[in-house]
PDB file of N, CA and C in Angstrom:
ATOM      1  N   MET A   1      24.440  24.839  18.709  1.00  0.00           N
ATOM      2  CA  MET A   1      25.009  24.279  17.498  1.00  0.00           C
ATOM      3  C   MET A   1      24.305  22.966  17.121  1.00  0.00           C
ATOM      4  N   LYS A   2      24.123  22.067  18.107  1.00  0.00           N
ATOM      5  CA  LYS A   2      23.434  20.808  17.830  1.00  0.00           C
ATOM      6  C   LYS A   2      22.025  21.057  17.321  1.00  0.00           C
ATOM      7  N   SER A   3      21.369  22.033  17.923  1.00  0.00           N
ATOM      8  CA  SER A   3      19.993  22.347  17.536  1.00  0.00           C
ATOM      9  C   SER A   3      19.929  22.791  16.075  1.00  0.00           C
ATOM     10  N   ALA A   4      20.860  23.608  15.657  1.00  0.00           N
ATOM     11  CA  ALA A   4      20.878  24.085  14.273  1.00  0.00           C
ATOM     12  C   ALA A   4      21.120  22.931  13.305  1.00  0.00           C
ATOM     13  N   ILE A   5      22.009  22.021  13.671  1.00  0.00           N
ATOM     14  CA  ILE A   5      22.295  20.865  12.814  1.00  0.00           C
ATOM     15  C   ILE A   5      21.065  19.982  12.707  1.00  0.00           C
ATOM     16  N   LEU A   6      20.413  19.719  13.825  1.00  0.00           N
ATOM     17  CA  LEU A   6      19.215  18.883  13.825  1.00  0.00           C
ATOM     18  C   LEU A   6      18.098  19.520  13.001  1.00  0.00           C
ATOM     19  N   LYS A   7      17.936  20.827  13.128  1.00  0.00           N
ATOM     20  CA  LYS A   7      16.913  21.526  12.349  1.00  0.00           C
ATOM     21  C   LYS A   7      17.210  21.426  10.859  1.00  0.00           C
ATOM     22  N   SER A   8      18.478  21.570  10.482  1.00  0.00           N
ATOM     23  CA  SER A   8      18.861  21.465   9.071  1.00  0.00           C
ATOM     24  C   SER A   8      18.587  20.065   8.538  1.00  0.00           C
ATOM     25  N   MET A   9      18.921  19.052   9.339  1.00  0.00           N
ATOM     26  CA  MET A   9      18.691  17.672   8.918  1.00  0.00           C
ATOM     27  C   MET A   9      17.201  17.401   8.757  1.00  0.00           C
ATOM     28  N   PHE A  10      16.398  17.883   9.699  1.00  0.00           N
ATOM     29  CA  PHE A  10      14.950  17.689   9.644  1.00  0.00           C
ATOM     30  C   PHE A  10      14.377  18.376   8.410  1.00  0.00           C
ATOM     31  N   ALA A  11      14.819  19.591   8.135  1.00  0.00           N
ATOM     32  CA  ALA A  11      14.332  20.328   6.969  1.00  0.00           C
ATOM     33  C   ALA A  11      14.706  19.580   5.687  1.00  0.00           C
ATOM     34  N   GLY A  12      15.916  19.019   5.643  1.00  0.00           N
ATOM     35  CA  GLY A  12      16.337  18.253   4.475  1.00  0.00           C
ATOM     36  C   GLY A  12      15.484  17.019   4.259  1.00  0.00           C
ATOM     37  N   LEU A  13      15.156  16.317   5.351  1.00  0.00           N
ATOM     38  CA  LEU A  13      14.300  15.136   5.249  1.00  0.00           C
ATOM     39  C   LEU A  13      12.904  15.499   4.748  1.00  0.00           C
ATOM     40  N   ILE A  14      12.370  16.585   5.248  1.00  0.00           N
ATOM     41  CA  ILE A  14      11.046  17.041   4.810  1.00  0.00           C
ATOM     42  C   ILE A  14      11.089  17.374   3.320  1.00  0.00           C
ATOM     43  N   PHE A  15      12.132  18.070   2.889  1.00  0.00           N
ATOM     44  CA  PHE A  15      12.266  18.418   1.468  1.00  0.00           C
ATOM     45  C   PHE A  15      12.324  17.160   0.612  1.00  0.00           C
ATOM     46  N   MET A  16      13.141  16.181   1.020  1.00  0.00           N
ATOM     47  CA  MET A  16      13.269  14.943   0.248  1.00  0.00           C
ATOM     48  C   MET A  16      11.937  14.216   0.168  1.00  0.00           C
ATOM     49  N   PHE A  17      11.179  14.210   1.259  1.00  0.00           N
ATOM     50  CA  PHE A  17       9.885  13.533   1.277  1.00  0.00           C
ATOM     51  C   PHE A  17       8.939  14.141   0.253  1.00  0.00           C
ATOM     52  N   PHE A  18       8.863  15.457   0.228  1.00  0.00           N
ATOM     53  CA  PHE A  18       7.943  16.122  -0.692  1.00  0.00           C
ATOM     54  C   PHE A  18       8.482  16.161  -2.118  1.00  0.00           C
ATOM     55  N   ALA A  19       9.788  16.208  -2.286  1.00  0.00           N
ATOM     56  CA  ALA A  19      10.368  16.265  -3.625  1.00  0.00           C
ATOM     57  C   ALA A  19      10.183  14.945  -4.368  1.00  0.00           C
ATOM     58  N   CYS A  20      10.176  13.843  -3.641  1.00  0.00           N
ATOM     59  CA  CYS A  20      10.060  12.540  -4.285  1.00  0.00           C
ATOM     60  C   CYS A  20       8.661  12.284  -4.826  1.00  0.00           C
ATOM     61  N   GLY A  21       7.670  12.892  -4.249  1.00  0.00           N
ATOM     62  CA  GLY A  21       6.299  12.689  -4.708  1.00  0.00           C
ATOM     63  C   GLY A  21       5.775  11.328  -4.304  1.00  0.00           C
ATOM     64  N   ASP A  22       4.566  11.041  -4.715  1.00  0.00           N
ATOM     65  CA  ASP A  22       3.949   9.764  -4.385  1.00  0.00           C
ATOM     66  C   ASP A  22       4.159   8.793  -5.521  1.00  0.00           C
ATOM     67  N   THR A  23       4.731   7.656  -5.200  1.00  0.00           N
ATOM     68  CA  THR A  23       4.881   6.598  -6.187  1.00  0.00           C
ATOM     69  C   THR A  23       4.198   5.358  -5.649  1.00  0.00           C
ATOM     70  N   ASP A  24       3.893   4.451  -6.554  1.00  0.00           N
ATOM     71  CA  ASP A  24       3.176   3.240  -6.187  1.00  0.00           C
ATOM     72  C   ASP A  24       4.060   2.019  -6.396  1.00  0.00           C
ATOM     73  N   THR A  25       3.815   1.007  -5.585  1.00  0.00           N
ATOM     74  CA  THR A  25       4.453  -0.283  -5.773  1.00  0.00           C
ATOM     75  C   THR A  25       3.393  -1.237  -6.291  1.00  0.00           C
ATOM     76  N   VAL A  26       3.702  -1.904  -7.381  1.00  0.00           N
ATOM     77  CA  VAL A  26       2.766  -2.845  -7.984  1.00  0.00           C
ATOM     78  C   VAL A  26       3.421  -4.228  -7.990  1.00  0.00           C
ATOM     79  N   GLU A  27       2.658  -5.220  -8.331  1.00  0.00           N
ATOM     80  CA  GLU A  27       3.189  -6.580  -8.433  1.00  0.00           C
ATOM     81  C   GLU A  27       4.028  -6.715  -9.698  1.00  0.00           C
ATOM     82  N   SER A  28       4.899  -7.716  -9.726  1.00  0.00           N
ATOM     83  CA  SER A  28       5.664  -8.003 -10.932  1.00  0.00           C
ATOM     84  C   SER A  28       4.697  -8.209 -12.091  1.00  0.00           C
ATOM     85  N   GLY A  29       5.044  -7.689 -13.258  1.00  0.00           N
ATOM     86  CA  GLY A  29       4.170  -7.839 -14.416  1.00  0.00           C
ATOM     87  C   GLY A  29       4.469  -6.801 -15.474  1.00  0.00           C
ATOM     88  N   THR A  30       3.554  -6.698 -16.432  1.00  0.00           N
ATOM     89  CA  THR A  30       3.702  -5.776 -17.552  1.00  0.00           C
ATOM     90  C   THR A  30       2.617  -4.707 -17.460  1.00  0.00           C
ATOM     91  N   TYR A  31       3.026  -3.448 -17.637  1.00  0.00           N
ATOM     92  CA  TYR A  31       2.122  -2.309 -17.511  1.00  0.00           C
ATOM     93  C   TYR A  31       2.347  -1.352 -18.663  1.00  0.00           C
ATOM     94  N   GLN A  32       1.283  -0.660 -19.077  1.00  0.00           N
ATOM     95  CA  GLN A  32       1.399   0.383 -20.085  1.00  0.00           C
ATOM     96  C   GLN A  32       1.090   1.721 -19.452  1.00  0.00           C
ATOM     97  N   GLY A  33       1.729   2.757 -19.977  1.00  0.00           N
ATOM     98  CA  GLY A  33       1.484   4.089 -19.450  1.00  0.00           C
ATOM     99  C   GLY A  33       2.263   5.133 -20.225  1.00  0.00           C
ATOM    100  N   THR A  34       2.404   6.299 -19.609  1.00  0.00           N
ATOM    101  CA  THR A  34       3.056   7.451 -20.222  1.00  0.00           C
ATOM    102  C   THR A  34       4.225   7.889 -19.352  1.00  0.00           C
ATOM    103  N   VAL A  35       5.351   8.195 -19.989  1.00  0.00           N
ATOM    104  CA  VAL A  35       6.503   8.700 -19.255  1.00  0.00           C
ATOM    105  C   VAL A  35       6.139  10.069 -18.694  1.00  0.00           C
ATOM    106  N   ASP A  36       6.202  10.189 -17.379  1.00  0.00           N
ATOM    107  CA  ASP A  36       5.828  11.429 -16.699  1.00  0.00           C
ATOM    108  C   ASP A  36       7.053  12.290 -16.399  1.00  0.00           C
ATOM    109  N   GLU A  37       8.208  11.635 -16.242  1.00  0.00           N
ATOM    110  CA  GLU A  37       9.440  12.360 -15.932  1.00  0.00           C
ATOM    111  C   GLU A  37      10.623  11.478 -16.302  1.00  0.00           C
ATOM    112  N   VAL A  38      11.699  12.118 -16.790  1.00  0.00           N
ATOM    113  CA  VAL A  38      12.937  11.417 -17.124  1.00  0.00           C
ATOM    114  C   VAL A  38      14.069  12.107 -16.375  1.00  0.00           C
ATOM    115  N   GLU A  39      14.867  11.329 -15.638  1.00  0.00           N
ATOM    116  CA  GLU A  39      16.028  11.862 -14.936  1.00  0.00           C
ATOM    117  C   GLU A  39      17.275  11.155 -15.461  1.00  0.00           C
ATOM    118  N   PRO A  40      17.879  11.706 -16.539  1.00  0.00           N
ATOM    119  CA  PRO A  40      19.009  11.039 -17.190  1.00  0.00           C
ATOM    120  C   PRO A  40      20.200  10.782 -16.264  1.00  0.00           C
ATOM    121  N   GLU A  41      20.488  11.719 -15.362  1.00  0.00           N
ATOM    122  CA  GLU A  41      21.656  11.558 -14.491  1.00  0.00           C
ATOM    123  C   GLU A  41      21.516  10.368 -13.548  1.00  0.00           C
ATOM    124  N   LYS A  42      20.300   9.923 -13.315  1.00  0.00           N
ATOM    125  CA  LYS A  42      20.052   8.769 -12.444  1.00  0.00           C
ATOM    126  C   LYS A  42      19.580   7.547 -13.236  1.00  0.00           C
ATOM    127  N   THR A  43      19.477   7.675 -14.549  1.00  0.00           N
ATOM    128  CA  THR A  43      18.829   6.663 -15.412  1.00  0.00           C
ATOM    129  C   THR A  43      17.547   6.174 -14.743  1.00  0.00           C
ATOM    130  N   GLU A  44      16.700   7.144 -14.464  1.00  0.00           N
ATOM    131  CA  GLU A  44      15.432   6.900 -13.764  1.00  0.00           C
ATOM    132  C   GLU A  44      14.298   7.525 -14.558  1.00  0.00           C
ATOM    133  N   ILE A  45      13.157   6.829 -14.565  1.00  0.00           N
ATOM    134  CA  ILE A  45      11.950   7.405 -15.158  1.00  0.00           C
ATOM    135  C   ILE A  45      10.777   7.186 -14.218  1.00  0.00           C
ATOM    136  N   TYR A  46       9.785   8.042 -14.377  1.00  0.00           N
ATOM    137  CA  TYR A  46       8.503   7.884 -13.690  1.00  0.00           C
ATOM    138  C   TYR A  46       7.466   7.628 -14.779  1.00  0.00           C
ATOM    139  N   VAL A  47       6.688   6.581 -14.593  1.00  0.00           N
ATOM    140  CA  VAL A  47       5.673   6.211 -15.571  1.00  0.00           C
ATOM    141  C   VAL A  47       4.309   6.267 -14.901  1.00  0.00           C
ATOM    142  N   LYS A  48       3.392   7.008 -15.524  1.00  0.00           N
ATOM    143  CA  LYS A  48       1.994   7.065 -15.069  1.00  0.00           C
ATOM    144  C   LYS A  48       1.249   5.991 -15.840  1.00  0.00           C
ATOM    145  N   THR A  49       0.779   4.963 -15.125  1.00  0.00           N
ATOM    146  CA  THR A  49       0.122   3.842 -15.790  1.00  0.00           C
ATOM    147  C   THR A  49      -1.296   4.207 -16.201  1.00  0.00           C
ATOM    148  N   ASP A  50      -1.853   3.360 -17.056  1.00  0.00           N
ATOM    149  CA  ASP A  50      -3.213   3.593 -17.538  1.00  0.00           C
ATOM    150  C   ASP A  50      -4.246   3.538 -16.417  1.00  0.00           C
ATOM    151  N   ASP A  51      -3.902   2.859 -15.293  1.00  0.00           N
ATOM    152  CA  ASP A  51      -4.825   2.823 -14.154  1.00  0.00           C
ATOM    153  C   ASP A  51      -4.429   3.829 -13.071  1.00  0.00           C
ATOM    154  N   ASP A  52      -3.709   4.903 -13.482  1.00  0.00           N
ATOM    155  CA  ASP A  52      -3.407   6.073 -12.649  1.00  0.00           C
ATOM    156  C   ASP A  52      -2.460   5.800 -11.482  1.00  0.00           C
ATOM    157  N   LYS A  53      -1.531   4.890 -11.659  1.00  0.00           N
ATOM    158  CA  LYS A  53      -0.473   4.673 -10.670  1.00  0.00           C
ATOM    159  C   LYS A  53       0.804   5.299 -11.215  1.00  0.00           C
ATOM    160  N   THR A  54       1.687   5.728 -10.326  1.00  0.00           N
ATOM    161  CA  THR A  54       2.972   6.278 -10.731  1.00  0.00           C
ATOM    162  C   THR A  54       4.065   5.315 -10.311  1.00  0.00           C
ATOM    163  N   LEU A  55       4.818   4.822 -11.307  1.00  0.00           N
ATOM    164  CA  LEU A  55       5.897   3.878 -11.060  1.00  0.00           C
ATOM    165  C   LEU A  55       7.234   4.598 -11.160  1.00  0.00           C
ATOM    166  N   GLU A  56       8.073   4.422 -10.158  1.00  0.00           N
ATOM    167  CA  GLU A  56       9.419   4.983 -10.146  1.00  0.00           C
ATOM    168  C   GLU A  56      10.371   3.859 -10.540  1.00  0.00           C
ATOM    169  N   LEU A  57      11.052   4.020 -11.673  1.00  0.00           N
ATOM    170  CA  LEU A  57      11.866   2.940 -12.216  1.00  0.00           C
ATOM    171  C   LEU A  57      13.306   3.393 -12.426  1.00  0.00           C
ATOM    172  N   TYR A  58      14.226   2.761 -11.698  1.00  0.00           N
ATOM    173  CA  TYR A  58      15.657   2.986 -11.881  1.00  0.00           C
ATOM    174  C   TYR A  58      16.185   1.892 -12.792  1.00  0.00           C
ATOM    175  N   PHE A  59      16.750   2.271 -13.919  1.00  0.00           N
ATOM    176  CA  PHE A  59      17.293   1.291 -14.852  1.00  0.00           C
ATOM    177  C   PHE A  59      18.477   0.576 -14.212  1.00  0.00           C
ATOM    178  N   THR A  60      18.594  -0.712 -14.494  1.00  0.00           N
ATOM    179  CA  THR A  60      19.732  -1.512 -14.047  1.00  0.00           C
ATOM    180  C   THR A  60      20.556  -1.889 -15.277  1.00  0.00           C
ATOM    181  N   ASP A  61      21.673  -2.560 -15.061  1.00  0.00           N
ATOM    182  CA  ASP A  61      22.499  -3.022 -16.185  1.00  0.00           C
ATOM    183  C   ASP A  61      21.750  -4.029 -17.045  1.00  0.00           C
ATOM    184  N   GLU A  62      20.743  -4.692 -16.465  1.00  0.00           N
ATOM    185  CA  GLU A  62      19.979  -5.712 -17.183  1.00  0.00           C
ATOM    186  C   GLU A  62      18.750  -5.156 -17.910  1.00  0.00           C
ATOM    187  N   THR A  63      18.355  -3.922 -17.628  1.00  0.00           N
ATOM    188  CA  THR A  63      17.172  -3.339 -18.265  1.00  0.00           C
ATOM    189  C   THR A  63      17.397  -3.192 -19.768  1.00  0.00           C
ATOM    190  N   VAL A  64      16.423  -3.670 -20.553  1.00  0.00           N
ATOM    191  CA  VAL A  64      16.494  -3.547 -22.010  1.00  0.00           C
ATOM    192  C   VAL A  64      15.480  -2.493 -22.448  1.00  0.00           C
ATOM    193  N   LEU A  65      15.963  -1.441 -23.111  1.00  0.00           N
ATOM    194  CA  LEU A  65      15.122  -0.370 -23.634  1.00  0.00           C
ATOM    195  C   LEU A  65      15.052  -0.533 -25.145  1.00  0.00           C
ATOM    196  N   SER A  66      13.829  -0.561 -25.688  1.00  0.00           N
ATOM    197  CA  SER A  66      13.695  -0.768 -27.135  1.00  0.00           C
ATOM    198  C   SER A  66      12.617   0.123 -27.737  1.00  0.00           C
ATOM    199  N   ARG A  67      12.747   0.273 -29.055  1.00  0.00           N
ATOM    200  CA  ARG A  67      11.753   0.997 -29.854  1.00  0.00           C
ATOM    201  C   ARG A  67      11.670   0.270 -31.192  1.00  0.00           C
ATOM    202  N   ALA A  68      10.469  -0.109 -31.582  1.00  0.00           N
ATOM    203  CA  ALA A  68      10.231  -0.824 -32.850  1.00  0.00           C
ATOM    204  C   ALA A  68      11.106  -2.072 -32.967  1.00  0.00           C
ATOM    205  N   GLY A  69      11.304  -2.765 -31.842  1.00  0.00           N
ATOM    206  CA  GLY A  69      12.060  -4.011 -31.853  1.00  0.00           C
ATOM    207  C   GLY A  69      13.561  -3.864 -31.800  1.00  0.00           C
ATOM    208  N   ASN A  70      14.063  -2.633 -31.789  1.00  0.00           N
ATOM    209  CA  ASN A  70      15.512  -2.399 -31.747  1.00  0.00           C
ATOM    210  C   ASN A  70      15.907  -1.794 -30.408  1.00  0.00           C
ATOM    211  N   GLU A  71      17.005  -2.267 -29.850  1.00  0.00           N
ATOM    212  CA  GLU A  71      17.504  -1.704 -28.597  1.00  0.00           C
ATOM    213  C   GLU A  71      17.987  -0.277 -28.842  1.00  0.00           C
ATOM    214  N   VAL A  72      17.607   0.642 -27.938  1.00  0.00           N
ATOM    215  CA  VAL A  72      17.981   2.056 -28.080  1.00  0.00           C
ATOM    216  C   VAL A  72      18.604   2.557 -26.790  1.00  0.00           C
ATOM    217  N   ASP A  73      19.215   3.730 -26.869  1.00  0.00           N
ATOM    218  CA  ASP A  73      19.881   4.361 -25.741  1.00  0.00           C
ATOM    219  C   ASP A  73      18.864   5.068 -24.836  1.00  0.00           C
ATOM    220  N   PHE A  74      19.210   5.206 -23.566  1.00  0.00           N
ATOM    221  CA  PHE A  74      18.343   5.871 -22.593  1.00  0.00           C
ATOM    222  C   PHE A  74      17.945   7.276 -23.051  1.00  0.00           C
ATOM    223  N   SER A  75      18.804   7.937 -23.813  1.00  0.00           N
ATOM    224  CA  SER A  75      18.526   9.305 -24.270  1.00  0.00           C
ATOM    225  C   SER A  75      17.304   9.380 -25.196  1.00  0.00           C
ATOM    226  N   GLU A  76      16.819   8.238 -25.684  1.00  0.00           N
ATOM    227  CA  GLU A  76      15.616   8.202 -26.532  1.00  0.00           C
ATOM    228  C   GLU A  76      14.339   8.480 -25.735  1.00  0.00           C
ATOM    229  N   LEU A  77      14.398   8.305 -24.415  1.00  0.00           N
ATOM    230  CA  LEU A  77      13.197   8.494 -23.586  1.00  0.00           C
ATOM    231  C   LEU A  77      12.888   9.969 -23.393  1.00  0.00           C
ATOM    232  N   GLN A  78      11.598  10.307 -23.533  1.00  0.00           N
ATOM    233  CA  GLN A  78      11.144  11.680 -23.351  1.00  0.00           C
ATOM    234  C   GLN A  78       9.803  11.684 -22.632  1.00  0.00           C
ATOM    235  N   LYS A  79       9.584  12.752 -21.898  1.00  0.00           N
ATOM    236  CA  LYS A  79       8.302  12.928 -21.221  1.00  0.00           C
ATOM    237  C   LYS A  79       7.170  12.898 -22.249  1.00  0.00           C
ATOM    238  N   GLY A  80       6.091  12.199 -21.913  1.00  0.00           N
ATOM    239  CA  GLY A  80       4.923  12.143 -22.781  1.00  0.00           C
ATOM    240  C   GLY A  80       4.860  10.926 -23.682  1.00  0.00           C
ATOM    241  N   GLN A  81       5.956  10.161 -23.766  1.00  0.00           N
ATOM    242  CA  GLN A  81       5.948   8.968 -24.619  1.00  0.00           C
ATOM    243  C   GLN A  81       5.126   7.847 -23.982  1.00  0.00           C
ATOM    244  N   LYS A  82       4.459   7.088 -24.833  1.00  0.00           N
ATOM    245  CA  LYS A  82       3.752   5.884 -24.393  1.00  0.00           C
ATOM    246  C   LYS A  82       4.779   4.759 -24.292  1.00  0.00           C
ATOM    247  N   VAL A  83       4.727   4.012 -23.189  1.00  0.00           N
ATOM    248  CA  VAL A  83       5.664   2.919 -22.983  1.00  0.00           C
ATOM    249  C   VAL A  83       4.942   1.698 -22.422  1.00  0.00           C
ATOM    250  N   GLU A  84       5.574   0.552 -22.610  1.00  0.00           N
ATOM    251  CA  GLU A  84       5.155  -0.678 -21.965  1.00  0.00           C
ATOM    252  C   GLU A  84       6.351  -1.134 -21.141  1.00  0.00           C
ATOM    253  N   VAL A  85       6.125  -1.360 -19.843  1.00  0.00           N
ATOM    254  CA  VAL A  85       7.215  -1.747 -18.959  1.00  0.00           C
ATOM    255  C   VAL A  85       6.923  -3.103 -18.336  1.00  0.00           C
ATOM    256  N   GLU A  86       7.946  -3.928 -18.289  1.00  0.00           N
ATOM    257  CA  GLU A  86       7.861  -5.186 -17.548  1.00  0.00           C
ATOM    258  C   GLU A  86       8.733  -5.001 -16.316  1.00  0.00           C
ATOM    259  N   VAL A  87       8.120  -5.135 -15.136  1.00  0.00           N
ATOM    260  CA  VAL A  87       8.832  -4.885 -13.889  1.00  0.00           C
ATOM    261  C   VAL A  87       8.856  -6.128 -13.021  1.00  0.00           C
ATOM    262  N   GLU A  88       9.890  -6.173 -12.186  1.00  0.00           N
ATOM    263  CA  GLU A  88       9.998  -7.218 -11.178  1.00  0.00           C
ATOM    264  C   GLU A  88      10.006  -6.533  -9.822  1.00  0.00           C
ATOM    265  N   LYS A  89       9.089  -6.947  -8.958  1.00  0.00           N
ATOM    266  CA  LYS A  89       9.008  -6.371  -7.616  1.00  0.00           C
ATOM    267  C   LYS A  89      10.055  -7.047  -6.739  1.00  0.00           C
ATOM    268  N   VAL A  90      10.944  -6.234  -6.167  1.00  0.00           N
ATOM    269  CA  VAL A  90      11.983  -6.716  -5.268  1.00  0.00           C
ATOM    270  C   VAL A  90      11.816  -5.950  -3.959  1.00  0.00           C
ATOM    271  N   GLY A  91      11.113  -6.557  -2.992  1.00  0.00           N
ATOM    272  CA  GLY A  91      10.760  -5.824  -1.776  1.00  0.00           C
ATOM    273  C   GLY A  91       9.774  -4.735  -2.139  1.00  0.00           C
ATOM    274  N   LYS A  92      10.112  -3.479  -1.832  1.00  0.00           N
ATOM    275  CA  LYS A  92       9.257  -2.349  -2.202  1.00  0.00           C
ATOM    276  C   LYS A  92       9.750  -1.662  -3.474  1.00  0.00           C
ATOM    277  N   ARG A  93      10.844  -2.164  -4.038  1.00  0.00           N
ATOM    278  CA  ARG A  93      11.452  -1.580  -5.229  1.00  0.00           C
ATOM    279  C   ARG A  93      10.927  -2.291  -6.468  1.00  0.00           C
ATOM    280  N   LEU A  94      10.839  -1.547  -7.574  1.00  0.00           N
ATOM    281  CA  LEU A  94      10.465  -2.112  -8.866  1.00  0.00           C
ATOM    282  C   LEU A  94      11.663  -2.020  -9.802  1.00  0.00           C
ATOM    283  N   ASP A  95      12.143  -3.174 -10.258  1.00  0.00           N
ATOM    284  CA  ASP A  95      13.226  -3.191 -11.226  1.00  0.00           C
ATOM    285  C   ASP A  95      12.649  -3.354 -12.625  1.00  0.00           C
ATOM    286  N   PRO A  96      12.926  -2.422 -13.532  1.00  0.00           N
ATOM    287  CA  PRO A  96      12.419  -2.579 -14.902  1.00  0.00           C
ATOM    288  C   PRO A  96      13.265  -3.610 -15.657  1.00  0.00           C
ATOM    289  N   LEU A  97      12.620  -4.664 -16.146  1.00  0.00           N
ATOM    290  CA  LEU A  97      13.322  -5.673 -16.946  1.00  0.00           C
ATOM    291  C   LEU A  97      13.380  -5.223 -18.396  1.00  0.00           C
ATOM    292  N   THR A  98      12.225  -4.774 -18.918  1.00  0.00           N
ATOM    293  CA  THR A  98      12.162  -4.232 -20.276  1.00  0.00           C
ATOM    294  C   THR A  98      11.315  -2.966 -20.276  1.00  0.00           C
ATOM    295  N   VAL A  99      11.696  -2.044 -21.135  1.00  0.00           N
ATOM    296  CA  VAL A  99      10.919  -0.825 -21.375  1.00  0.00           C
ATOM    297  C   VAL A  99      10.827  -0.687 -22.890  1.00  0.00           C
ATOM    298  N   LYS A 100       9.592  -0.701 -23.410  1.00  0.00           N
ATOM    299  CA  LYS A 100       9.374  -0.556 -24.853  1.00  0.00           C
ATOM    300  C   LYS A 100       8.721   0.795 -25.112  1.00  0.00           C
ATOM    301  N   ILE A 101       9.365   1.588 -25.956  1.00  0.00           N
ATOM    302  CA  ILE A 101       8.765   2.855 -26.369  1.00  0.00           C
ATOM    303  C   ILE A 101       7.757   2.512 -27.460  1.00  0.00           C
ATOM    304  N   LEU A 102       6.500   2.896 -27.246  1.00  0.00           N
ATOM    305  CA  LEU A 102       5.430   2.497 -28.163  1.00  0.00           C
ATOM    306  C   LEU A 102       5.148   3.508 -29.262  1.00  0.00           C
ATOM    307  N   ASP A 103       5.512   4.758 -29.086  1.00  0.00           N
ATOM    308  CA  ASP A 103       5.231   5.733 -30.156  1.00  0.00           C
ATOM    309  C   ASP A 103       6.479   6.335 -30.725  1.00  0.00           C
TER     310      ASP A 103
END
């Protein structure tokens, strides 16, 4: 019984590792790129930067999302949109301070 539980846990960890994909940690700053994935249930996006890095960004209560100078709802984000993100590096995590939809 213990062996089966351990095998299930190990398989789950392996799945989570591969499902998350490779993301990069960058320094605090402003980056431009393309939305590669949107996960509305987690208010999370993945942004592929112009220098080929993938940023995993979980929106916080302080994150400001805008388009043409106006604040917009998270539902405005779609895969393929050009964005400019200002992030703050907190340990290995990146907190998005602002996300501007450029197109």
